[in-house]
Amino acid sequence: MLLQIYVAMKAMPWYTLLPTVSEYMIENGWTKCYTSISEVGWFAYIMYMAIYLVIVEFGIYWMHRELHDIKPLYKHLHATHHIYNKQNTLSPFAGLAFHPLDGVLQAVPHVIALFLVPIHFRSHIGLLFIEGVWTANIHDCIHANLWPIMGAGYHTIHHTTYKHNYGHYTIWMDWMLGTLRDPEDDSCQKAQKVQ
C-alpha cells in the first residue's frame, strides 16, 4: 500500500495538468461550456449532461481498452497500475497509482466532451472531482452490486483477468462489446469448482 501511495503522489502533479489546460480553454471560450443553467434551462442541462456522460463513458472505455490491447502502451504506461492484480493488493490508493501519462490519457474524454456538447462549468469541475473519488472506490474491493454501476466487484475482475470490465461508471460498454464479466457469475463459478 505504501508503494501505491508513493506512485499516486508522484503522479498527482501531472494529473492536475489536464484540468488546468481545460479550464484555460473554457475561460478563453474555446469550448461549449456555459456558466449558468439558466442559459440553457433544466431540460437541456439534463440532456446535455446525459450526452456528456455517454461520451465520457465511451471514450474512457476505448482509452482503457487500448491501453491493454496496444502492447507498448500497456508495457510502458498501464502496467504500472496493474501490478496490483490480486484482491489483497488492491486498495483505494491503487485507483490513483498510475503512470502520469496513463492517468492523463484516461481523463482526455472529459476534455474532448467539452468541445462536443454544451456542459455546465461547475458540473464539469464536479465530475472531475468525482472522477478521483470514483477511481478510489472501484479499487476498494467492496462490491455493492448496484447494476448497472461498474463497482469494485467488476473492476477487481478486470485486475485479475486483464481482458474484462474496461468500463468506467457503468457496465454498458462492456455489455455491448462483449467484455463484461459479472462478479456474481464469477463467484458462482468459483463455488461450483469448490464443490
Protein backbone atom coordinates (compact mmCIF):
# COMPACT_ATOMS: atom_id res chain seq x y z
CA MET A 1 0.00 0.00 0.00
CA LEU A 2 2.91 2.35 0.67
CA LEU A 3 4.10 1.81 -2.91
CA GLN A 4 0.60 2.68 -4.17
CA ILE A 5 0.65 5.90 -2.15
CA TYR A 6 4.14 6.75 -3.45
CA VAL A 7 3.20 6.12 -7.11
CA ALA A 8 -0.04 8.11 -6.73
CA MET A 9 1.68 11.08 -5.06
CA LYS A 10 4.45 11.11 -7.68
CA ALA A 11 1.86 11.25 -10.48
CA MET A 12 -0.55 13.68 -8.80
CA PRO A 13 1.08 16.92 -10.05
CA TRP A 14 0.82 15.61 -13.62
CA TYR A 15 -2.86 14.73 -13.12
CA THR A 16 -3.56 18.42 -12.48
CA LEU A 17 -2.31 19.46 -15.92
CA LEU A 18 -5.37 18.35 -17.88
CA PRO A 19 -7.92 20.15 -15.66
CA THR A 20 -5.70 23.23 -15.74
CA VAL A 21 -5.48 23.20 -19.54
CA SER A 22 -9.22 22.50 -19.87
CA GLU A 23 -10.05 25.40 -17.55
CA TYR A 24 -7.82 27.68 -19.63
CA MET A 25 -9.69 26.59 -22.80
CA ILE A 26 -13.05 27.14 -21.08
CA GLU A 27 -12.10 30.62 -19.84
CA ASN A 28 -10.98 31.59 -23.35
CA GLY A 29 -14.29 30.47 -24.85
CA TRP A 30 -12.85 27.62 -26.90
CA THR A 31 -15.30 25.02 -25.58
CA LYS A 32 -19.07 24.68 -25.37
CA CYS A 33 -19.05 25.24 -21.59
CA TYR A 34 -21.59 27.60 -20.06
CA THR A 35 -21.67 29.18 -16.60
CA SER A 36 -25.33 29.20 -15.63
CA ILE A 37 -28.03 26.56 -16.03
CA SER A 38 -30.46 29.39 -16.80
CA GLU A 39 -28.57 29.88 -20.09
CA VAL A 40 -29.98 26.56 -21.38
CA GLY A 41 -32.75 25.55 -18.93
CA TRP A 42 -33.06 22.44 -16.78
CA PHE A 43 -34.29 20.10 -19.53
CA ALA A 44 -31.35 20.94 -21.82
CA TYR A 45 -28.96 20.78 -18.85
CA ILE A 46 -30.07 17.21 -18.07
CA MET A 47 -29.95 16.16 -21.74
CA TYR A 48 -26.50 17.69 -22.25
CA MET A 49 -25.26 16.06 -19.05
CA ALA A 50 -26.51 12.65 -20.24
CA ILE A 51 -24.80 13.10 -23.62
CA TYR A 52 -21.59 14.28 -21.91
CA LEU A 53 -21.59 11.20 -19.67
CA VAL A 54 -22.16 8.88 -22.64
CA ILE A 55 -19.21 10.47 -24.48
CA VAL A 56 -17.01 10.15 -21.38
CA GLU A 57 -18.06 6.52 -20.80
CA PHE A 58 -17.43 5.65 -24.47
CA GLY A 59 -14.08 7.47 -24.51
CA ILE A 60 -12.75 6.04 -21.27
CA TYR A 61 -13.82 2.51 -22.24
CA TRP A 62 -11.88 2.69 -25.50
CA MET A 63 -8.88 4.51 -23.99
CA HIS A 64 -8.68 1.91 -21.21
CA ARG A 65 -9.14 -0.99 -23.60
CA GLU A 66 -6.44 0.31 -25.96
CA LEU A 67 -4.07 0.74 -23.02
CA HIS A 68 -4.43 -3.04 -22.66
CA ASP A 69 -4.56 -4.04 -26.34
CA ILE A 70 -1.66 -1.96 -27.64
CA LYS A 71 1.26 -3.79 -26.04
CA PRO A 72 3.79 -0.90 -25.89
CA LEU A 73 1.17 1.29 -24.18
CA TYR A 74 0.45 -1.47 -21.69
CA LYS A 75 4.12 -2.23 -21.05
CA HIS A 76 5.30 1.37 -20.62
CA LEU A 77 2.18 3.02 -19.15
CA HIS A 78 -0.66 0.87 -17.86
CA ALA A 79 1.38 -2.00 -16.35
CA THR A 80 2.37 0.42 -13.56
CA HIS A 81 -1.24 0.32 -12.41
CA HIS A 82 -1.74 -3.41 -12.97
CA ILE A 83 0.98 -4.59 -10.63
CA TYR A 84 -1.91 -4.51 -8.16
CA ASN A 85 -3.59 -7.57 -9.65
CA LYS A 86 -4.92 -9.53 -6.70
CA GLN A 87 -7.75 -8.69 -4.38
CA ASN A 88 -5.38 -8.42 -1.41
CA THR A 89 -3.17 -5.89 -3.28
CA LEU A 90 -5.99 -3.57 -4.35
CA SER A 91 -6.84 -0.55 -2.24
CA PRO A 92 -8.30 2.92 -2.85
CA PHE A 93 -4.71 4.14 -3.34
CA ALA A 94 -4.30 1.74 -6.29
CA GLY A 95 -7.04 3.74 -8.00
CA LEU A 96 -4.65 6.68 -8.33
CA ALA A 97 -1.39 4.74 -8.73
CA PHE A 98 -0.89 5.22 -12.47
CA HIS A 99 1.93 6.26 -14.72
CA PRO A 100 1.26 10.03 -15.07
CA LEU A 101 0.63 9.83 -18.83
CA ASP A 102 -1.78 6.92 -18.32
CA GLY A 103 -3.81 8.95 -15.84
CA VAL A 104 -3.92 11.93 -18.20
CA LEU A 105 -4.90 9.78 -21.21
CA GLN A 106 -7.81 8.25 -19.34
CA ALA A 107 -9.09 11.73 -18.48
CA VAL A 108 -8.88 13.03 -22.07
CA PRO A 109 -12.51 12.04 -22.87
CA HIS A 110 -13.68 14.63 -20.32
CA VAL A 111 -11.86 17.34 -22.28
CA ILE A 112 -12.97 16.06 -25.69
CA ALA A 113 -16.58 16.17 -24.46
CA LEU A 114 -16.15 19.90 -23.71
CA PHE A 115 -15.84 20.54 -27.44
CA LEU A 116 -18.73 18.29 -28.45
CA VAL A 117 -21.57 19.08 -26.08
CA PRO A 118 -22.54 22.12 -24.01
CA ILE A 119 -21.77 21.42 -20.35
CA HIS A 120 -22.23 23.45 -17.20
CA PHE A 121 -18.81 24.58 -15.93
CA ARG A 122 -19.32 23.69 -12.26
CA SER A 123 -20.82 20.34 -13.23
CA HIS A 124 -17.72 19.60 -15.33
CA ILE A 125 -15.41 20.51 -12.42
CA GLY A 126 -17.59 18.46 -10.05
CA LEU A 127 -17.34 15.44 -12.37
CA LEU A 128 -13.55 15.75 -12.43
CA PHE A 129 -13.56 15.69 -8.62
CA ILE A 130 -15.94 12.71 -8.61
CA GLU A 131 -13.50 11.01 -11.02
CA GLY A 132 -10.88 10.85 -8.26
CA VAL A 133 -13.37 9.56 -5.72
CA TRP A 134 -14.72 7.03 -8.24
CA THR A 135 -11.32 5.59 -9.12
CA ALA A 136 -10.58 5.10 -5.42
CA ASN A 137 -13.99 3.47 -4.93
CA ILE A 138 -13.69 0.88 -7.70
CA HIS A 139 -10.36 -0.30 -6.27
CA ASP A 140 -11.54 -0.83 -2.68
CA CYS A 141 -12.74 -4.46 -3.27
CA ILE A 142 -16.14 -3.75 -1.69
CA HIS A 143 -18.71 -4.92 -4.22
CA ALA A 144 -22.06 -3.18 -3.74
CA ASN A 145 -23.77 -4.98 -6.67
CA LEU A 146 -25.72 -1.95 -7.85
CA TRP A 147 -26.49 -2.74 -11.50
CA PRO A 148 -25.57 -1.16 -13.99
CA ILE A 149 -22.85 0.58 -11.99
CA MET A 150 -19.25 -0.53 -12.57
CA GLY A 151 -18.46 -1.26 -8.95
CA ALA A 152 -15.42 -2.72 -7.26
CA GLY A 153 -16.54 -6.31 -7.89
CA TYR A 154 -16.43 -5.74 -11.65
CA HIS A 155 -13.17 -3.84 -11.51
CA THR A 156 -11.48 -6.44 -9.30
CA ILE A 157 -12.21 -8.96 -12.08
CA HIS A 158 -10.59 -6.52 -14.51
CA HIS A 159 -7.42 -6.52 -12.39
CA THR A 160 -7.28 -10.30 -12.27
CA THR A 161 -8.20 -11.18 -15.89
CA TYR A 162 -6.89 -8.09 -17.80
CA LYS A 163 -9.49 -8.61 -20.56
CA HIS A 164 -12.84 -7.82 -18.95
CA ASN A 165 -14.67 -4.84 -17.48
CA TYR A 166 -12.91 -1.86 -19.04
CA GLY A 167 -15.89 0.45 -18.44
CA HIS A 168 -15.88 3.45 -16.20
CA TYR A 169 -19.07 4.44 -14.38
CA THR A 170 -21.28 1.75 -15.89
CA ILE A 171 -21.08 -1.73 -17.41
CA TRP A 172 -22.93 -0.69 -20.61
CA MET A 173 -19.91 -0.55 -22.92
CA ASP A 174 -18.59 -3.89 -21.69
CA TRP A 175 -22.03 -5.42 -22.10
CA MET A 176 -22.42 -4.06 -25.65
CA LEU A 177 -18.91 -5.07 -26.75
CA GLY A 178 -18.71 -8.49 -25.10
CA THR A 179 -16.08 -7.72 -22.46
CA LEU A 180 -18.40 -7.86 -19.43
CA ARG A 181 -17.72 -10.42 -16.72
CA ASP A 182 -20.19 -10.29 -13.83
CA PRO A 183 -18.84 -10.79 -10.28
CA GLU A 184 -21.99 -12.72 -9.35
CA ASP A 185 -21.38 -15.22 -12.18
CA ASP A 186 -17.72 -15.33 -11.25
CA SER A 187 -18.46 -16.18 -7.60
CA CYS A 188 -20.97 -18.87 -8.68
CA GLN A 189 -18.32 -20.48 -10.91
CA LYS A 190 -15.81 -20.47 -8.04
CA ALA A 191 -18.38 -22.03 -5.69
CA GLN A 192 -19.11 -24.81 -8.23
CA LYS A 193 -15.37 -25.58 -8.54
CA VAL A 194 -15.11 -25.96 -4.75
CA GLN A 195 -18.00 -28.49 -4.68
